[in-house]
C-alpha atoms as a PDB file:
ATOM      1  CA  UNK A   1     -25.960  92.407 -19.474  1.00  0.00           C
ATOM      2  CA  UNK A   2     -26.057  96.120 -20.255  1.00  0.00           C
ATOM      3  CA  UNK A   3     -23.202  98.323 -19.136  1.00  0.00           C
ATOM      4  CA  UNK A   4     -23.882 101.349 -17.041  1.00  0.00           C
ATOM      5  CA  UNK A   5     -22.544 104.754 -17.953  1.00  0.00           C
ATOM      6  CA  UNK A   6     -19.822 104.395 -15.278  1.00  0.00           C
ATOM      7  CA  UNK A   7     -18.590 101.138 -16.804  1.00  0.00           C
ATOM      8  CA  UNK A   8     -18.324 102.753 -20.239  1.00  0.00           C
ATOM      9  CA  UNK A   9     -16.185 105.527 -18.774  1.00  0.00           C
ATOM     10  CA  UNK A  10     -13.807 102.945 -17.252  1.00  0.00           C
ATOM     11  CA  UNK A  11     -13.601 101.125 -20.599  1.00  0.00           C
ATOM     12  CA  UNK A  12     -12.777 104.403 -22.383  1.00  0.00           C
ATOM     13  CA  UNK A  13     -10.132 105.262 -19.737  1.00  0.00           C
ATOM     14  CA  UNK A  14      -8.564 101.828 -20.230  1.00  0.00           C
ATOM     15  CA  UNK A  15      -8.280 102.444 -23.979  1.00  0.00           C
ATOM     16  CA  UNK A  16      -6.740 105.883 -23.396  1.00  0.00           C
ATOM     17  CA  UNK A  17      -4.208 104.540 -20.896  1.00  0.00           C
ATOM     18  CA  UNK A  18      -3.339 101.732 -23.324  1.00  0.00           C
ATOM     19  CA  UNK A  19      -2.398 104.380 -25.898  1.00  0.00           C
ATOM     20  CA  UNK A  20      -0.119 106.131 -23.404  1.00  0.00           C
ATOM     21  CA  UNK A  21       1.379 102.870 -22.118  1.00  0.00           C
ATOM     22  CA  UNK A  22       5.007 102.369 -23.047  1.00  0.00           C
ATOM     23  CA  UNK A  23       5.993  99.670 -25.496  1.00  0.00           C
ATOM     24  CA  UNK A  24       9.343  98.475 -26.750  1.00  0.00           C
ATOM     25  CA  UNK A  25      10.105  98.884 -30.470  1.00  0.00           C
ATOM     26  CA  UNK A  26      13.007  97.951 -32.692  1.00  0.00           C
ATOM     27  CA  UNK A  27      13.897 100.306 -35.516  1.00  0.00           C
ATOM     28  CA  UNK A  28      16.231  98.928 -38.174  1.00  0.00           C
ATOM     29  CA  UNK A  29      17.338 101.270 -40.937  1.00  0.00           C
ATOM     30  CA  UNK A  30      19.629 101.539 -43.954  1.00  0.00           C
ATOM     31  CA  UNK A  31      21.493 104.790 -44.544  1.00  0.00           C
ATOM     32  CA  UNK A  32      22.627 105.950 -47.988  1.00  0.00           C
ATOM     33  CA  UNK A  33      25.961 104.206 -48.768  1.00  0.00           C
ATOM     34  CA  UNK A  34      27.275 107.248 -50.655  1.00  0.00           C
ATOM     35  CA  UNK A  35      27.217 109.436 -47.554  1.00  0.00           C
ATOM     36  CA  UNK A  36      30.605 110.474 -46.187  1.00  0.00           C
ATOM     37  CA  UNK A  37      31.518 108.827 -42.866  1.00  0.00           C
ATOM     38  CA  UNK A  38      30.874 112.035 -40.910  1.00  0.00           C
ATOM     39  CA  UNK A  39      27.427 112.400 -42.495  1.00  0.00           C
ATOM     40  CA  UNK A  40      26.589 108.786 -41.578  1.00  0.00           C
ATOM     41  CA  UNK A  41      27.506 109.552 -37.959  1.00  0.00           C
ATOM     42  CA  UNK A  42      25.376 112.724 -38.029  1.00  0.00           C
ATOM     43  CA  UNK A  43      22.389 110.859 -39.493  1.00  0.00           C
ATOM     44  CA  UNK A  44      22.704 108.128 -36.880  1.00  0.00           C
ATOM     45  CA  UNK A  45      22.999 110.689 -34.077  1.00  0.00           C
ATOM     46  CA  UNK A  46      19.922 112.510 -35.423  1.00  0.00           C
ATOM     47  CA  UNK A  47      17.888 109.277 -35.236  1.00  0.00           C
ATOM     48  CA  UNK A  48      19.288 108.494 -31.806  1.00  0.00           C
ATOM     49  CA  UNK A  49      18.516 112.016 -30.495  1.00  0.00           C
ATOM     50  CA  UNK A  50      14.996 111.869 -31.878  1.00  0.00           C
ATOM     51  CA  UNK A  51      14.358 108.592 -30.060  1.00  0.00           C
ATOM     52  CA  UNK A  52      15.936 109.843 -26.809  1.00  0.00           C
ATOM     53  CA  UNK A  53      13.685 112.928 -26.910  1.00  0.00           C
ATOM     54  CA  UNK A  54      10.557 110.773 -27.284  1.00  0.00           C
ATOM     55  CA  UNK A  55      11.513 107.747 -25.181  1.00  0.00           C
ATOM     56  CA  UNK A  56      14.455 105.747 -23.874  1.00  0.00           C
ATOM     57  CA  UNK A  57      17.000 103.626 -25.721  1.00  0.00           C
ATOM     58  CA  UNK A  58      17.294 100.020 -24.541  1.00  0.00           C
ATOM     59  CA  UNK A  59      20.110  98.796 -26.844  1.00  0.00           C
ATOM     60  CA  UNK A  60      21.579  99.992 -30.112  1.00  0.00           C
ATOM     61  CA  UNK A  61      24.075  99.251 -32.847  1.00  0.00           C
ATOM     62  CA  UNK A  62      26.362 101.730 -34.577  1.00  0.00           C
ATOM     63  CA  UNK A  63      26.023 101.934 -38.383  1.00  0.00           C
ATOM     64  CA  UNK A  64      28.183  99.559 -40.392  1.00  0.00           C
ATOM     65  CA  UNK A  65      28.414  99.233 -44.152  1.00  0.00           C
ATOM     66  CA  UNK A  66      26.975  96.001 -45.505  1.00  0.00           C
ATOM     67  CA  UNK A  67      26.201  94.427 -48.865  1.00  0.00           C
ATOM     68  CA  UNK A  68      22.451  94.111 -49.341  1.00  0.00           C
ATOM     69  CA  UNK A  69      20.899  90.739 -50.158  1.00  0.00           C
ATOM     70  CA  UNK A  70      19.057  92.383 -53.054  1.00  0.00           C
ATOM     71  CA  UNK A  71      19.055  95.727 -54.831  1.00  0.00           C
ATOM     72  CA  UNK A  72      16.788  98.393 -53.378  1.00  0.00           C
ATOM     73  CA  UNK A  73      15.453 100.899 -55.927  1.00  0.00           C
ATOM     74  CA  UNK A  74      14.112 104.269 -54.899  1.00  0.00           C
ATOM     75  CA  UNK A  75      12.576 106.996 -57.024  1.00  0.00           C
ATOM     76  CA  UNK A  76      14.048 110.398 -56.205  1.00  0.00           C
ATOM     77  CA  UNK A  77      13.660 113.862 -57.720  1.00  0.00           C
ATOM     78  CA  UNK A  78      16.789 113.377 -59.867  1.00  0.00           C
ATOM     79  CA  UNK A  79      15.617 109.928 -61.014  1.00  0.00           C
ATOM     80  CA  UNK A  80      15.766 106.335 -59.864  1.00  0.00           C
ATOM     81  CA  UNK A  81      18.604 105.220 -57.577  1.00  0.00           C
ATOM     82  CA  UNK A  82      19.650 101.639 -56.967  1.00  0.00           C
ATOM     83  CA  UNK A  83      21.341 100.555 -53.752  1.00  0.00           C
ATOM     84  CA  UNK A  84      23.424  97.367 -53.490  1.00  0.00           C
ATOM     85  CA  UNK A  85      24.986  98.328 -50.159  1.00  0.00           C
ATOM     86  CA  UNK A  86      24.033 100.546 -47.234  1.00  0.00           C
ATOM     87  CA  UNK A  87      25.020 101.526 -43.719  1.00  0.00           C
ATOM     88  CA  UNK A  88      22.844  99.397 -41.451  1.00  0.00           C
ATOM     89  CA  UNK A  89      21.960 100.266 -37.872  1.00  0.00           C
ATOM     90  CA  UNK A  90      19.248  99.459 -35.384  1.00  0.00           C
ATOM     91  CA  UNK A  91      17.908 100.868 -32.130  1.00  0.00           C
ATOM     92  CA  UNK A  92      15.636  99.195 -29.585  1.00  0.00           C
ATOM     93  CA  UNK A  93      13.696 101.810 -27.663  1.00  0.00           C
ATOM     94  CA  UNK A  94      10.768 102.232 -25.307  1.00  0.00           C
ATOM     95  CA  UNK A  95       8.119 104.899 -25.811  1.00  0.00           C
ATOM     96  CA  UNK A  96       4.371 105.571 -25.844  1.00  0.00           C
ATOM     97  CA  UNK A  97       2.210 104.908 -28.896  1.00  0.00           C
ATOM     98  CA  UNK A  98       1.795 108.656 -29.487  1.00  0.00           C
ATOM     99  CA  UNK A  99       5.553 109.284 -29.418  1.00  0.00           C
ATOM    100  CA  UNK A 100       6.099 106.194 -31.557  1.00  0.00           C
ATOM    101  CA  UNK A 101       3.920 107.687 -34.296  1.00  0.00           C
ATOM    102  CA  UNK A 102       5.944 110.915 -34.160  1.00  0.00           C
ATOM    103  CA  UNK A 103       9.222 108.973 -34.398  1.00  0.00           C
ATOM    104  CA  UNK A 104       8.003 107.043 -37.452  1.00  0.00           C
ATOM    105  CA  UNK A 105       6.833 110.231 -39.121  1.00  0.00           C
ATOM    106  CA  UNK A 106      10.240 111.860 -38.619  1.00  0.00           C
ATOM    107  CA  UNK A 107      12.108 108.733 -39.778  1.00  0.00           C
ATOM    108  CA  UNK A 108       9.945 108.550 -42.901  1.00  0.00           C
ATOM    109  CA  UNK A 109      10.837 112.175 -43.736  1.00  0.00           C
ATOM    110  CA  UNK A 110      14.603 111.601 -43.291  1.00  0.00           C
ATOM    111  CA  UNK A 111      16.092 111.582 -46.814  1.00  0.00           C
ATOM    112  CA  UNK A 112      19.384 109.953 -45.744  1.00  0.00           C
ATOM    113  CA  UNK A 113      17.481 106.791 -44.750  1.00  0.00           C
ATOM    114  CA  UNK A 114      17.035 104.459 -47.720  1.00  0.00           C
ATOM    115  CA  UNK A 115      14.674 102.019 -46.001  1.00  0.00           C
ATOM    116  CA  UNK A 116      13.563 101.201 -42.459  1.00  0.00           C
ATOM    117  CA  UNK A 117      11.503  98.710 -40.504  1.00  0.00           C
ATOM    118  CA  UNK A 118       9.947  99.209 -37.093  1.00  0.00           C
ATOM    119  CA  UNK A 119       8.731  96.274 -35.001  1.00  0.00           C
ATOM    120  CA  UNK A 120       7.240  95.691 -31.580  1.00  0.00           C
ATOM    121  CA  UNK A 121       9.628  93.672 -29.419  1.00  0.00           C
ATOM    122  CA  UNK A 122      10.574  93.165 -25.775  1.00  0.00           C
ATOM    123  CA  UNK A 123      13.555  94.249 -23.713  1.00  0.00           C
ATOM    124  CA  UNK A 124      14.374  90.613 -23.025  1.00  0.00           C
ATOM    125  CA  UNK A 125      14.469  89.740 -26.747  1.00  0.00           C
ATOM    126  CA  UNK A 126      16.757  92.696 -27.448  1.00  0.00           C
ATOM    127  CA  UNK A 127      19.134  91.794 -24.622  1.00  0.00           C
ATOM    128  CA  UNK A 128      19.096  88.144 -25.703  1.00  0.00           C
ATOM    129  CA  UNK A 129      20.093  89.202 -29.211  1.00  0.00           C
ATOM    130  CA  UNK A 130      23.045  91.194 -27.854  1.00  0.00           C
ATOM    131  CA  UNK A 131      24.212  88.204 -25.791  1.00  0.00           C
ATOM    132  CA  UNK A 132      23.860  85.846 -28.783  1.00  0.00           C
ATOM    133  CA  UNK A 133      25.762  88.285 -31.004  1.00  0.00           C
ATOM    134  CA  UNK A 134      28.621  88.504 -28.499  1.00  0.00           C
ATOM    135  CA  UNK A 135      28.790  84.699 -28.386  1.00  0.00           C
ATOM    136  CA  UNK A 136      28.780  84.504 -32.191  1.00  0.00           C
ATOM    137  CA  UNK A 137      31.663  86.958 -32.374  1.00  0.00           C
ATOM    138  CA  UNK A 138      33.675  84.753 -30.013  1.00  0.00           C
ATOM    139  CA  UNK A 139      32.649  81.496 -31.736  1.00  0.00           C
ATOM    140  CA  UNK A 140      34.730  81.833 -34.950  1.00  0.00           C
ATOM    141  CA  UNK A 141      37.932  81.811 -32.880  1.00  0.00           C
ATOM    142  CA  UNK A 142      36.877  78.504 -31.362  1.00  0.00           C
ATOM    143  CA  UNK A 143      35.821  77.127 -34.755  1.00  0.00           C
ATOM    144  CA  UNK A 144      39.202  78.001 -36.282  1.00  0.00           C
ATOM    145  CA  UNK A 145      40.989  76.266 -33.391  1.00  0.00           C
ATOM    146  CA  UNK A 146      38.780  73.206 -33.836  1.00  0.00           C
ATOM    147  CA  UNK A 147      39.575  73.148 -37.566  1.00  0.00           C
ATOM    148  CA  UNK A 148      43.298  73.271 -36.848  1.00  0.00           C
ATOM    149  CA  UNK A 149      42.994  70.385 -34.356  1.00  0.00           C
ATOM    150  CA  UNK A 150      40.845  68.409 -36.794  1.00  0.00           C
ATOM    151  CA  UNK A 151      43.341  69.013 -39.595  1.00  0.00           C
ATOM    152  CA  UNK A 152      46.229  67.865 -37.396  1.00  0.00           C
ATOM    153  CA  UNK A 153      44.278  64.766 -36.321  1.00  0.00           C
ATOM    154  CA  UNK A 154      43.409  64.026 -39.948  1.00  0.00           C
ATOM    155  CA  UNK A 155      47.055  64.350 -41.016  1.00  0.00           C
ATOM    156  CA  UNK A 156      48.137  61.999 -38.225  1.00  0.00           C
ATOM    157  CA  UNK A 157      45.430  59.481 -39.167  1.00  0.00           C
ATOM    158  CA  UNK A 158      46.495  59.531 -42.833  1.00  0.00           C
ATOM    159  CA  UNK A 159      50.155  59.003 -41.908  1.00  0.00           C
ATOM    160  CA  UNK A 160      49.337  56.069 -39.645  1.00  0.00           C
ATOM    161  CA  UNK A 161      47.074  54.528 -42.308  1.00  0.00           C
ATOM    162  CA  UNK A 162      49.795  54.735 -44.970  1.00  0.00           C
ATOM    163  CA  UNK A 163      52.384  53.014 -42.779  1.00  0.00           C
END
C-alpha cells in the first residue's frame, strides 16, 4: 500500500523526535596517572560540567587510581607513552542524541583522558550497579568473620579428632 504525503511527513517527524529523545549513557574514562591530584579533580570536574551542561547526571564515581589489566600505549607529539595505571571514573547521564555527539567530541579532544568508552544503558541498570557495589563493599567484612568462625571450628575439630 502506497503512503500518502501526510504519512511520509509523520514518519519524518518520528525520526526527528527520535533524535531529540533522551537516552541514558555511561561514560567510563581513564585519566593520565601522572597528573597531580588537583589536576585529576579539575579534569573530572570538567567532564562532569560538560555533561551537566548538555544533560543530567544519573550516578557517578569519583576518580580512583587503579592498575590496568594491560598496558595502554598512546602516540603523542613527544613520542609513545605507555600506561600501566590510570585514574578511572565513570558517569551515567541522560541526554539527547545531538548533545551526546557533542559530549563525545569534547571528551575525544580532552588530552588528560587516556582512553574512554561510552555505552547506552538504563537508569535501572546504573542504580542496580550502585546497590551491588555497596553490597560488595560490605561483603568482605562478613567473609572475614566467616573465615574466623571457620578457622575456630576447624581448630576445635582437629583437637577433638586428636584426642
